[in-house]
N, C-alpha and C. Protein backbone atom coordinates (compact mmCIF):
# COMPACT_ATOMS: atom_id res chain seq x y z
N MET A 1 103.86 126.49 102.83
CA MET A 1 104.13 125.21 103.43
C MET A 1 103.52 124.12 102.57
N LEU A 2 104.19 123.00 102.51
CA LEU A 2 103.76 121.85 101.74
C LEU A 2 103.48 122.21 100.28
N ARG A 3 104.42 122.90 99.67
CA ARG A 3 104.21 123.35 98.30
C ARG A 3 104.19 122.19 97.31
N TRP A 4 104.75 121.03 97.67
CA TRP A 4 104.71 119.88 96.77
C TRP A 4 103.38 119.16 96.85
N LEU A 5 102.48 119.60 97.73
CA LEU A 5 101.15 119.01 97.82
C LEU A 5 100.09 119.91 97.21
N THR A 6 100.51 120.85 96.40
CA THR A 6 99.54 121.74 95.77
C THR A 6 98.68 120.95 94.80
N ARG A 7 97.60 121.55 94.37
CA ARG A 7 96.65 120.87 93.50
C ARG A 7 97.34 120.27 92.29
N ARG A 8 97.04 119.02 92.04
CA ARG A 8 97.60 118.34 90.89
C ARG A 8 96.57 118.32 89.77
N ILE A 9 97.05 118.30 88.56
CA ILE A 9 96.15 118.24 87.42
C ILE A 9 95.65 116.80 87.30
N SER A 10 94.34 116.67 87.28
CA SER A 10 93.77 115.33 87.20
C SER A 10 93.95 114.77 85.80
N ARG A 11 93.81 113.47 85.69
CA ARG A 11 93.93 112.84 84.38
C ARG A 11 92.83 113.29 83.44
N ARG A 12 91.65 113.59 84.00
CA ARG A 12 90.55 114.05 83.15
C ARG A 12 90.92 115.37 82.49
N GLU A 13 91.56 116.27 83.22
CA GLU A 13 91.97 117.55 82.65
C GLU A 13 93.03 117.37 81.57
N ARG A 14 93.78 116.28 81.65
CA ARG A 14 94.79 115.98 80.63
C ARG A 14 94.23 115.09 79.54
N GLY A 15 92.91 114.79 79.61
CA GLY A 15 92.30 113.98 78.58
C GLY A 15 92.09 112.52 78.98
N GLY A 16 92.42 112.14 80.20
CA GLY A 16 92.26 110.77 80.66
C GLY A 16 91.14 110.64 81.67
N SER A 17 91.09 109.54 82.35
CA SER A 17 90.06 109.32 83.36
C SER A 17 90.43 110.03 84.66
N GLU A 18 89.43 110.25 85.50
CA GLU A 18 89.63 110.95 86.76
C GLU A 18 90.37 110.05 87.76
N ARG A 19 91.29 110.61 88.49
CA ARG A 19 91.97 109.89 89.56
C ARG A 19 92.12 110.85 90.73
N ALA A 20 91.63 110.47 91.86
CA ALA A 20 91.67 111.35 93.02
C ALA A 20 92.99 111.18 93.76
N TYR A 21 93.50 112.28 94.26
CA TYR A 21 94.70 112.27 95.09
C TYR A 21 94.29 112.68 96.48
N ASN A 22 93.97 111.73 97.30
CA ASN A 22 93.56 112.02 98.67
C ASN A 22 94.68 111.60 99.61
N TYR A 23 95.09 112.53 100.45
CA TYR A 23 96.11 112.24 101.44
C TYR A 23 95.44 112.13 102.80
N SER A 24 95.79 111.10 103.54
CA SER A 24 95.22 110.94 104.87
C SER A 24 95.83 112.00 105.80
N PRO A 25 95.15 112.32 106.90
CA PRO A 25 95.70 113.28 107.85
C PRO A 25 97.06 112.85 108.40
N GLU A 26 97.28 111.54 108.54
CA GLU A 26 98.56 111.05 109.04
C GLU A 26 99.70 111.34 108.06
N VAL A 27 99.42 111.15 106.78
CA VAL A 27 100.43 111.42 105.75
C VAL A 27 100.72 112.92 105.67
N LEU A 28 99.69 113.73 105.72
CA LEU A 28 99.89 115.18 105.71
C LEU A 28 100.71 115.64 106.91
N GLU A 29 100.45 115.06 108.07
CA GLU A 29 101.22 115.40 109.27
C GLU A 29 102.67 114.98 109.12
N LEU A 30 102.92 113.82 108.54
CA LEU A 30 104.29 113.34 108.31
C LEU A 30 105.02 114.29 107.36
N PHE A 31 104.36 114.70 106.28
CA PHE A 31 104.98 115.63 105.34
C PHE A 31 105.24 116.98 106.00
N ARG A 32 104.33 117.46 106.85
CA ARG A 32 104.52 118.72 107.55
C ARG A 32 105.73 118.65 108.47
N ARG A 33 105.84 117.55 109.24
CA ARG A 33 107.00 117.39 110.13
C ARG A 33 108.30 117.29 109.33
N ALA A 34 108.26 116.61 108.21
CA ALA A 34 109.46 116.48 107.37
C ALA A 34 109.87 117.83 106.81
N GLU A 35 108.91 118.61 106.34
CA GLU A 35 109.23 119.92 105.80
C GLU A 35 109.82 120.83 106.88
N GLU A 36 109.23 120.81 108.06
CA GLU A 36 109.75 121.63 109.15
C GLU A 36 111.18 121.20 109.52
N ALA A 37 111.42 119.90 109.56
CA ALA A 37 112.76 119.40 109.89
C ALA A 37 113.77 119.81 108.82
N LEU A 38 113.41 119.68 107.55
CA LEU A 38 114.32 120.04 106.47
C LEU A 38 114.55 121.54 106.39
N SER A 39 113.58 122.32 106.84
CA SER A 39 113.78 123.77 106.82
C SER A 39 114.71 124.24 107.94
N ARG A 40 115.04 123.36 108.87
CA ARG A 40 116.03 123.70 109.91
C ARG A 40 117.46 123.38 109.49
N VAL A 41 117.63 122.78 108.32
CA VAL A 41 118.97 122.43 107.83
C VAL A 41 119.45 123.54 106.91
N GLU A 42 120.49 124.23 107.34
CA GLU A 42 121.07 125.29 106.52
C GLU A 42 122.22 124.74 105.69
N VAL A 43 122.36 125.30 104.52
CA VAL A 43 123.48 124.94 103.66
C VAL A 43 124.71 125.66 104.20
N PRO A 44 125.78 124.92 104.51
CA PRO A 44 126.98 125.56 105.08
C PRO A 44 127.52 126.66 104.16
N GLY A 45 127.75 127.82 104.75
CA GLY A 45 128.30 128.94 104.00
C GLY A 45 127.25 129.84 103.37
N TYR A 46 125.98 129.45 103.47
CA TYR A 46 124.90 130.24 102.89
C TYR A 46 123.84 130.46 103.96
N ASP A 47 123.11 131.52 103.85
CA ASP A 47 122.07 131.82 104.83
C ASP A 47 120.71 131.38 104.30
N MET A 48 120.65 130.13 103.86
CA MET A 48 119.42 129.58 103.32
C MET A 48 119.26 128.14 103.79
N ASP A 49 118.00 127.75 103.99
CA ASP A 49 117.76 126.35 104.34
C ASP A 49 117.39 125.57 103.07
N LEU A 50 117.34 124.26 103.21
CA LEU A 50 117.12 123.40 102.05
C LEU A 50 115.76 123.64 101.38
N VAL A 51 114.74 123.91 102.16
CA VAL A 51 113.40 124.08 101.60
C VAL A 51 113.26 125.41 100.89
N SER A 52 113.63 126.51 101.56
CA SER A 52 113.46 127.83 100.94
C SER A 52 114.41 128.04 99.76
N ALA A 53 115.54 127.33 99.74
CA ALA A 53 116.48 127.44 98.62
C ALA A 53 116.01 126.65 97.41
N GLY A 54 115.01 125.82 97.58
CA GLY A 54 114.51 125.02 96.46
C GLY A 54 115.29 123.74 96.24
N VAL A 55 116.13 123.36 97.19
CA VAL A 55 116.91 122.13 97.04
C VAL A 55 116.00 120.91 97.22
N VAL A 56 115.03 121.01 98.14
CA VAL A 56 114.06 119.93 98.33
C VAL A 56 113.00 120.11 97.26
N LYS A 57 112.89 119.14 96.36
CA LYS A 57 111.96 119.24 95.25
C LYS A 57 110.64 118.52 95.51
N ARG A 58 110.70 117.41 96.25
CA ARG A 58 109.50 116.59 96.39
C ARG A 58 109.66 115.64 97.55
N LEU A 59 108.55 115.32 98.20
CA LEU A 59 108.51 114.29 99.23
C LEU A 59 107.58 113.19 98.76
N ARG A 60 107.94 111.97 99.10
CA ARG A 60 107.11 110.83 98.70
C ARG A 60 107.14 109.80 99.81
N LEU A 61 106.03 109.15 100.04
CA LEU A 61 105.96 108.08 101.02
C LEU A 61 105.77 106.78 100.26
N SER A 62 106.68 105.84 100.45
CA SER A 62 106.63 104.57 99.73
C SER A 62 106.97 103.43 100.69
N ASN A 63 106.00 102.55 100.92
CA ASN A 63 106.19 101.39 101.80
C ASN A 63 106.73 101.79 103.17
N GLY A 64 106.19 102.86 103.74
CA GLY A 64 106.60 103.30 105.06
C GLY A 64 107.90 104.06 105.10
N ARG A 65 108.50 104.32 103.98
CA ARG A 65 109.76 105.06 103.89
C ARG A 65 109.52 106.42 103.27
N LEU A 66 110.07 107.45 103.90
CA LEU A 66 109.99 108.79 103.35
C LEU A 66 111.12 108.96 102.35
N ILE A 67 110.78 109.34 101.15
CA ILE A 67 111.79 109.59 100.12
C ILE A 67 111.82 111.09 99.87
N VAL A 68 113.01 111.67 100.03
CA VAL A 68 113.21 113.10 99.84
C VAL A 68 113.96 113.29 98.53
N PHE A 69 113.32 113.95 97.58
CA PHE A 69 113.95 114.23 96.29
C PHE A 69 114.64 115.58 96.38
N LEU A 70 115.95 115.58 96.08
CA LEU A 70 116.77 116.79 96.18
C LEU A 70 117.36 117.15 94.82
N ASP A 71 117.56 118.45 94.62
CA ASP A 71 118.22 118.94 93.42
C ASP A 71 119.72 118.84 93.65
N TYR A 72 120.25 117.64 93.45
CA TYR A 72 121.65 117.36 93.74
C TYR A 72 122.60 118.00 92.73
N TYR A 73 122.23 118.00 91.48
CA TYR A 73 123.14 118.50 90.45
C TYR A 73 122.95 119.97 90.13
N GLY A 74 121.92 120.57 90.67
CA GLY A 74 121.75 122.01 90.52
C GLY A 74 121.42 122.47 89.12
N THR A 75 120.58 121.73 88.41
CA THR A 75 120.21 122.17 87.07
C THR A 75 119.06 123.16 87.10
N ASP A 76 118.53 123.43 88.27
CA ASP A 76 117.43 124.39 88.41
C ASP A 76 118.02 125.80 88.47
N PRO A 77 117.70 126.67 87.53
CA PRO A 77 118.30 128.01 87.52
C PRO A 77 117.97 128.83 88.76
N SER A 78 116.87 128.55 89.44
CA SER A 78 116.53 129.32 90.63
C SER A 78 117.40 128.93 91.83
N CYS A 79 118.08 127.82 91.75
CA CYS A 79 118.97 127.37 92.83
C CYS A 79 120.40 127.74 92.43
N PHE A 80 120.78 128.98 92.70
CA PHE A 80 122.02 129.55 92.17
C PHE A 80 123.29 128.94 92.75
N PHE A 81 123.22 128.32 93.91
CA PHE A 81 124.45 127.83 94.52
C PHE A 81 124.61 126.32 94.42
N CYS A 82 123.57 125.61 93.98
CA CYS A 82 123.60 124.14 94.01
C CYS A 82 124.77 123.54 93.25
N ARG A 83 125.06 124.08 92.09
CA ARG A 83 126.10 123.46 91.27
C ARG A 83 127.49 123.64 91.86
N PHE A 84 127.63 124.51 92.86
CA PHE A 84 128.94 124.75 93.44
C PHE A 84 129.19 123.94 94.72
N ILE A 85 128.18 123.22 95.14
CA ILE A 85 128.33 122.45 96.37
C ILE A 85 129.08 121.17 96.07
N ASN A 86 130.19 120.94 96.77
CA ASN A 86 130.99 119.75 96.48
C ASN A 86 130.49 118.54 97.28
N GLN A 87 131.09 117.42 97.04
CA GLN A 87 130.64 116.17 97.65
C GLN A 87 130.73 116.20 99.17
N ALA A 88 131.79 116.75 99.73
CA ALA A 88 131.92 116.81 101.19
C ALA A 88 130.81 117.65 101.81
N MET A 89 130.46 118.74 101.13
CA MET A 89 129.40 119.58 101.65
C MET A 89 128.05 118.84 101.56
N TRP A 90 127.84 118.10 100.48
CA TRP A 90 126.60 117.31 100.37
C TRP A 90 126.53 116.26 101.46
N ASN A 91 127.65 115.66 101.78
CA ASN A 91 127.68 114.67 102.85
C ASN A 91 127.24 115.31 104.17
N THR A 92 127.72 116.50 104.44
CA THR A 92 127.33 117.23 105.64
C THR A 92 125.84 117.58 105.62
N ILE A 93 125.36 118.06 104.49
CA ILE A 93 123.96 118.43 104.36
C ILE A 93 123.05 117.23 104.58
N LEU A 94 123.35 116.12 103.92
CA LEU A 94 122.51 114.93 104.04
C LEU A 94 122.55 114.36 105.45
N SER A 95 123.70 114.41 106.08
CA SER A 95 123.82 113.92 107.45
C SER A 95 122.98 114.78 108.40
N LYS A 96 123.07 116.10 108.25
CA LYS A 96 122.28 117.00 109.08
C LYS A 96 120.78 116.82 108.82
N ALA A 97 120.40 116.66 107.57
CA ALA A 97 118.99 116.45 107.23
C ALA A 97 118.47 115.15 107.85
N SER A 98 119.27 114.12 107.79
CA SER A 98 118.89 112.84 108.37
C SER A 98 118.70 112.96 109.88
N LYS A 99 119.60 113.69 110.54
CA LYS A 99 119.50 113.88 111.99
C LYS A 99 118.27 114.71 112.36
N GLU A 100 117.98 115.75 111.59
CA GLU A 100 116.80 116.58 111.87
C GLU A 100 115.51 115.79 111.66
N LEU A 101 115.48 114.96 110.63
CA LEU A 101 114.31 114.13 110.39
C LEU A 101 114.13 113.11 111.51
N ALA A 102 115.26 112.57 112.01
CA ALA A 102 115.19 111.62 113.13
C ALA A 102 114.65 112.30 114.38
N LYS A 103 115.05 113.56 114.61
CA LYS A 103 114.52 114.32 115.76
C LYS A 103 113.02 114.52 115.64
N ALA A 104 112.53 114.61 114.39
CA ALA A 104 111.10 114.79 114.14
C ALA A 104 110.34 113.46 114.17
N GLY A 105 111.06 112.38 114.46
CA GLY A 105 110.42 111.07 114.55
C GLY A 105 110.34 110.33 113.23
N ILE A 106 111.10 110.77 112.25
CA ILE A 106 111.10 110.13 110.93
C ILE A 106 112.45 109.45 110.75
N GLU A 107 112.49 108.16 110.96
CA GLU A 107 113.74 107.41 110.94
C GLU A 107 114.05 106.78 109.57
N ASN A 108 113.02 106.29 108.90
CA ASN A 108 113.20 105.55 107.66
C ASN A 108 113.16 106.52 106.48
N VAL A 109 114.35 107.03 106.09
CA VAL A 109 114.46 108.08 105.08
C VAL A 109 115.44 107.67 104.00
N GLU A 110 115.13 108.06 102.80
CA GLU A 110 116.04 107.86 101.67
C GLU A 110 116.12 109.17 100.89
N PHE A 111 117.32 109.55 100.49
CA PHE A 111 117.52 110.76 99.71
C PHE A 111 117.80 110.35 98.26
N VAL A 112 117.11 111.02 97.33
CA VAL A 112 117.21 110.67 95.92
C VAL A 112 117.41 111.94 95.11
N ASP A 113 118.24 111.86 94.06
CA ASP A 113 118.41 112.99 93.15
C ASP A 113 117.15 113.14 92.31
N TYR A 114 116.60 114.34 92.27
CA TYR A 114 115.34 114.62 91.60
C TYR A 114 115.41 114.36 90.09
N TYR A 115 116.53 114.68 89.46
CA TYR A 115 116.63 114.60 88.01
C TYR A 115 117.05 113.23 87.50
N THR A 116 117.90 112.54 88.23
CA THR A 116 118.38 111.24 87.75
C THR A 116 117.67 110.07 88.40
N GLY A 117 117.08 110.29 89.58
CA GLY A 117 116.44 109.19 90.30
C GLY A 117 117.41 108.32 91.06
N LEU A 118 118.68 108.71 91.09
CA LEU A 118 119.70 107.92 91.78
C LEU A 118 119.65 108.18 93.28
N ARG A 119 119.85 107.14 94.05
CA ARG A 119 119.88 107.27 95.51
C ARG A 119 121.19 107.95 95.91
N LEU A 120 121.10 108.91 96.82
CA LEU A 120 122.27 109.65 97.26
C LEU A 120 122.85 108.97 98.50
N GLU A 121 124.08 108.55 98.40
CA GLU A 121 124.78 107.90 99.50
C GLU A 121 125.52 108.96 100.30
N TYR A 122 125.60 108.76 101.60
CA TYR A 122 126.33 109.70 102.45
C TYR A 122 126.80 108.97 103.69
N ASN A 123 127.78 109.56 104.36
CA ASN A 123 128.33 109.01 105.60
C ASN A 123 127.47 109.50 106.75
N LYS A 124 126.74 108.60 107.39
CA LYS A 124 125.80 109.00 108.44
C LYS A 124 126.48 109.42 109.73
N GLU A 125 127.77 109.23 109.83
CA GLU A 125 128.51 109.57 111.04
C GLU A 125 128.90 111.04 111.09
N TRP A 126 128.81 111.77 109.99
CA TRP A 126 129.24 113.17 109.97
C TRP A 126 128.37 114.01 110.82
């Protein structure tokens, strides 16, 4: 759980000055709820959820908005089905993810492609 919050290499270990990464209990709770919500979203046609399939790459909190980084283009070799998912299926996935996050009390969400940094647009009515 919360694999994107694993120990980070400090700047001192990379040759720079020390910088602490401290997460408040509220932020950790928000990330936990987000991960649980995203793990309830299954990819249509596959018996895998977004988190265990490796589609969710990173979570970030910025100005009160949760940003979910997804492997949209499927360049990760461990995500064997990502490159075959078409736009309509992505629209369904993002819509379901948004609804699950809303059920978890997380309304202000943005989905971003992990590799390009582009915001992923989707039809919220699906």
